[in-house]
N, C-alpha and C. Protein backbone atom coordinates (compact mmCIF):
# COMPACT_ATOMS: atom_id res chain seq x y z
N UNK A 1 21.64 2.26 -0.64
CA UNK A 1 22.16 1.92 0.66
C UNK A 1 21.21 1.00 1.45
N UNK A 2 19.92 1.28 1.49
CA UNK A 2 19.04 0.39 2.26
C UNK A 2 19.11 -1.08 1.81
N UNK A 3 19.24 -1.32 0.52
CA UNK A 3 19.33 -2.71 0.04
C UNK A 3 20.59 -3.38 0.55
N UNK A 4 21.71 -2.65 0.56
CA UNK A 4 22.96 -3.22 1.06
C UNK A 4 22.86 -3.52 2.55
N UNK A 5 22.23 -2.63 3.30
CA UNK A 5 22.08 -2.86 4.74
C UNK A 5 21.12 -4.02 4.98
N UNK A 6 20.09 -4.13 4.19
CA UNK A 6 19.17 -5.28 4.33
C UNK A 6 19.93 -6.58 4.15
N UNK A 7 20.75 -6.66 3.12
CA UNK A 7 21.56 -7.87 2.89
C UNK A 7 22.52 -8.11 4.05
N UNK A 8 23.14 -7.05 4.54
CA UNK A 8 24.07 -7.17 5.67
C UNK A 8 23.35 -7.73 6.90
N UNK A 9 22.17 -7.20 7.20
CA UNK A 9 21.41 -7.67 8.36
C UNK A 9 21.06 -9.15 8.24
N UNK A 10 20.71 -9.57 7.05
CA UNK A 10 20.35 -10.97 6.84
C UNK A 10 21.58 -11.87 6.93
N UNK A 11 22.66 -11.48 6.28
CA UNK A 11 23.86 -12.33 6.22
C UNK A 11 24.71 -12.30 7.48
N UNK A 12 24.75 -11.15 8.18
CA UNK A 12 25.71 -11.00 9.27
C UNK A 12 25.10 -10.72 10.64
N UNK A 13 23.81 -10.47 10.71
CA UNK A 13 23.20 -10.17 12.00
C UNK A 13 22.05 -11.11 12.35
N UNK A 14 21.89 -12.15 11.55
CA UNK A 14 20.91 -13.18 11.86
C UNK A 14 19.45 -12.76 11.73
N UNK A 15 19.21 -11.74 10.92
CA UNK A 15 17.84 -11.28 10.70
C UNK A 15 17.24 -12.12 9.58
N UNK A 16 16.04 -12.63 9.82
CA UNK A 16 15.36 -13.41 8.79
C UNK A 16 14.71 -12.47 7.78
N UNK A 17 14.77 -12.84 6.52
CA UNK A 17 14.23 -12.00 5.45
C UNK A 17 12.75 -11.70 5.67
N UNK A 18 11.99 -12.69 6.09
CA UNK A 18 10.56 -12.45 6.31
C UNK A 18 10.33 -11.45 7.44
N UNK A 19 11.13 -11.53 8.49
CA UNK A 19 11.02 -10.57 9.60
C UNK A 19 11.41 -9.18 9.14
N UNK A 20 12.43 -9.08 8.30
CA UNK A 20 12.86 -7.79 7.77
C UNK A 20 11.75 -7.15 6.95
N UNK A 21 11.14 -7.92 6.08
CA UNK A 21 10.08 -7.39 5.23
C UNK A 21 8.90 -6.91 6.07
N UNK A 22 8.49 -7.73 7.01
CA UNK A 22 7.36 -7.36 7.87
C UNK A 22 7.69 -6.09 8.67
N UNK A 23 8.90 -6.03 9.21
CA UNK A 23 9.30 -4.87 10.02
C UNK A 23 9.36 -3.61 9.17
N UNK A 24 9.93 -3.69 7.97
CA UNK A 24 10.03 -2.49 7.13
C UNK A 24 8.66 -1.98 6.70
N UNK A 25 7.70 -2.87 6.54
CA UNK A 25 6.34 -2.44 6.20
C UNK A 25 5.72 -1.64 7.34
N UNK A 26 6.06 -1.99 8.56
CA UNK A 26 5.53 -1.30 9.74
C UNK A 26 6.35 -0.06 10.11
N UNK A 27 7.55 0.07 9.54
CA UNK A 27 8.46 1.17 9.85
C UNK A 27 8.97 1.81 8.56
N UNK A 28 8.10 2.50 7.84
CA UNK A 28 8.48 3.01 6.52
C UNK A 28 9.58 4.07 6.52
N UNK A 29 9.88 4.67 7.65
CA UNK A 29 10.91 5.72 7.71
C UNK A 29 12.31 5.19 7.97
N UNK A 30 12.47 3.88 8.05
CA UNK A 30 13.77 3.32 8.41
C UNK A 30 14.86 3.69 7.41
N UNK A 31 14.54 3.69 6.13
CA UNK A 31 15.57 4.00 5.12
C UNK A 31 16.03 5.44 5.23
N UNK A 32 15.12 6.34 5.52
CA UNK A 32 15.48 7.75 5.68
C UNK A 32 16.37 7.93 6.91
N UNK A 33 16.04 7.25 7.98
CA UNK A 33 16.87 7.31 9.20
C UNK A 33 18.29 6.80 8.89
N UNK A 34 18.37 5.74 8.15
CA UNK A 34 19.66 5.18 7.76
C UNK A 34 20.45 6.17 6.91
N UNK A 35 19.81 6.77 5.93
CA UNK A 35 20.49 7.76 5.07
C UNK A 35 20.97 8.96 5.87
N UNK A 36 20.17 9.40 6.83
CA UNK A 36 20.56 10.56 7.65
C UNK A 36 21.77 10.26 8.53
N UNK A 37 22.02 9.00 8.82
CA UNK A 37 23.13 8.63 9.68
C UNK A 37 24.44 8.40 8.91
N UNK A 38 24.40 8.42 7.60
CA UNK A 38 25.58 8.08 6.80
C UNK A 38 26.80 8.96 7.05
N UNK A 39 26.61 10.21 7.35
CA UNK A 39 27.75 11.13 7.50
C UNK A 39 28.46 10.99 8.84
N UNK A 40 27.87 10.26 9.77
CA UNK A 40 28.45 10.08 11.10
C UNK A 40 28.67 8.58 11.32
N UNK A 41 29.91 8.09 11.16
CA UNK A 41 30.16 6.65 11.24
C UNK A 41 29.68 6.00 12.54
N UNK A 42 29.87 6.66 13.67
CA UNK A 42 29.43 6.07 14.94
C UNK A 42 27.91 5.97 14.99
N UNK A 43 27.24 7.01 14.56
CA UNK A 43 25.78 7.00 14.52
C UNK A 43 25.29 5.94 13.55
N UNK A 44 25.94 5.81 12.42
CA UNK A 44 25.54 4.82 11.42
C UNK A 44 25.59 3.41 12.00
N UNK A 45 26.66 3.10 12.71
CA UNK A 45 26.78 1.78 13.34
C UNK A 45 25.66 1.58 14.35
N UNK A 46 25.39 2.60 15.17
CA UNK A 46 24.32 2.47 16.16
C UNK A 46 22.96 2.28 15.50
N UNK A 47 22.72 2.98 14.41
CA UNK A 47 21.44 2.85 13.71
C UNK A 47 21.30 1.44 13.12
N UNK A 48 22.34 0.95 12.48
CA UNK A 48 22.28 -0.39 11.88
C UNK A 48 22.07 -1.45 12.95
N UNK A 49 22.82 -1.37 14.04
CA UNK A 49 22.66 -2.35 15.12
C UNK A 49 21.28 -2.21 15.76
N UNK A 50 20.79 -0.98 15.86
CA UNK A 50 19.44 -0.76 16.39
C UNK A 50 18.38 -1.38 15.49
N UNK A 51 18.57 -1.27 14.19
CA UNK A 51 17.65 -1.91 13.25
C UNK A 51 17.63 -3.41 13.45
N UNK A 52 18.81 -4.02 13.55
CA UNK A 52 18.89 -5.46 13.74
C UNK A 52 18.16 -5.88 15.02
N UNK A 53 18.38 -5.16 16.10
CA UNK A 53 17.73 -5.49 17.37
C UNK A 53 16.22 -5.33 17.28
N UNK A 54 15.77 -4.23 16.68
CA UNK A 54 14.35 -3.98 16.57
C UNK A 54 13.65 -5.04 15.73
N UNK A 55 14.28 -5.46 14.65
CA UNK A 55 13.68 -6.47 13.77
C UNK A 55 13.61 -7.80 14.49
N UNK A 56 14.67 -8.18 15.19
CA UNK A 56 14.67 -9.44 15.93
C UNK A 56 13.63 -9.43 17.05
N UNK A 57 13.52 -8.31 17.75
CA UNK A 57 12.52 -8.21 18.82
C UNK A 57 11.12 -8.29 18.26
N UNK A 58 10.91 -7.63 17.13
CA UNK A 58 9.59 -7.69 16.48
C UNK A 58 9.24 -9.10 16.05
N UNK A 59 10.22 -9.83 15.56
CA UNK A 59 9.98 -11.22 15.13
C UNK A 59 9.70 -12.11 16.34
N UNK A 60 10.39 -11.84 17.45
CA UNK A 60 10.20 -12.65 18.65
C UNK A 60 8.83 -12.40 19.27
N UNK A 61 8.29 -11.22 19.07
CA UNK A 61 7.00 -10.87 19.65
C UNK A 61 5.84 -11.57 18.93
N UNK A 62 6.10 -12.07 17.73
CA UNK A 62 5.01 -12.70 16.96
C UNK A 62 5.00 -14.17 17.14
């Protein structure tokens, strides 16, 4: 699942691959958070959108 979401963020949310890699290195628990949200569709959407926002903000800060 994390790989599919990574591709989704890059293709559909404007996240740059380099920013994604850097962010995931600093946030190693992101995949677990994503997996924990799978059973609740609304939570899953919020988590994915939150990931996109956090990665973009992290990239903008550098």
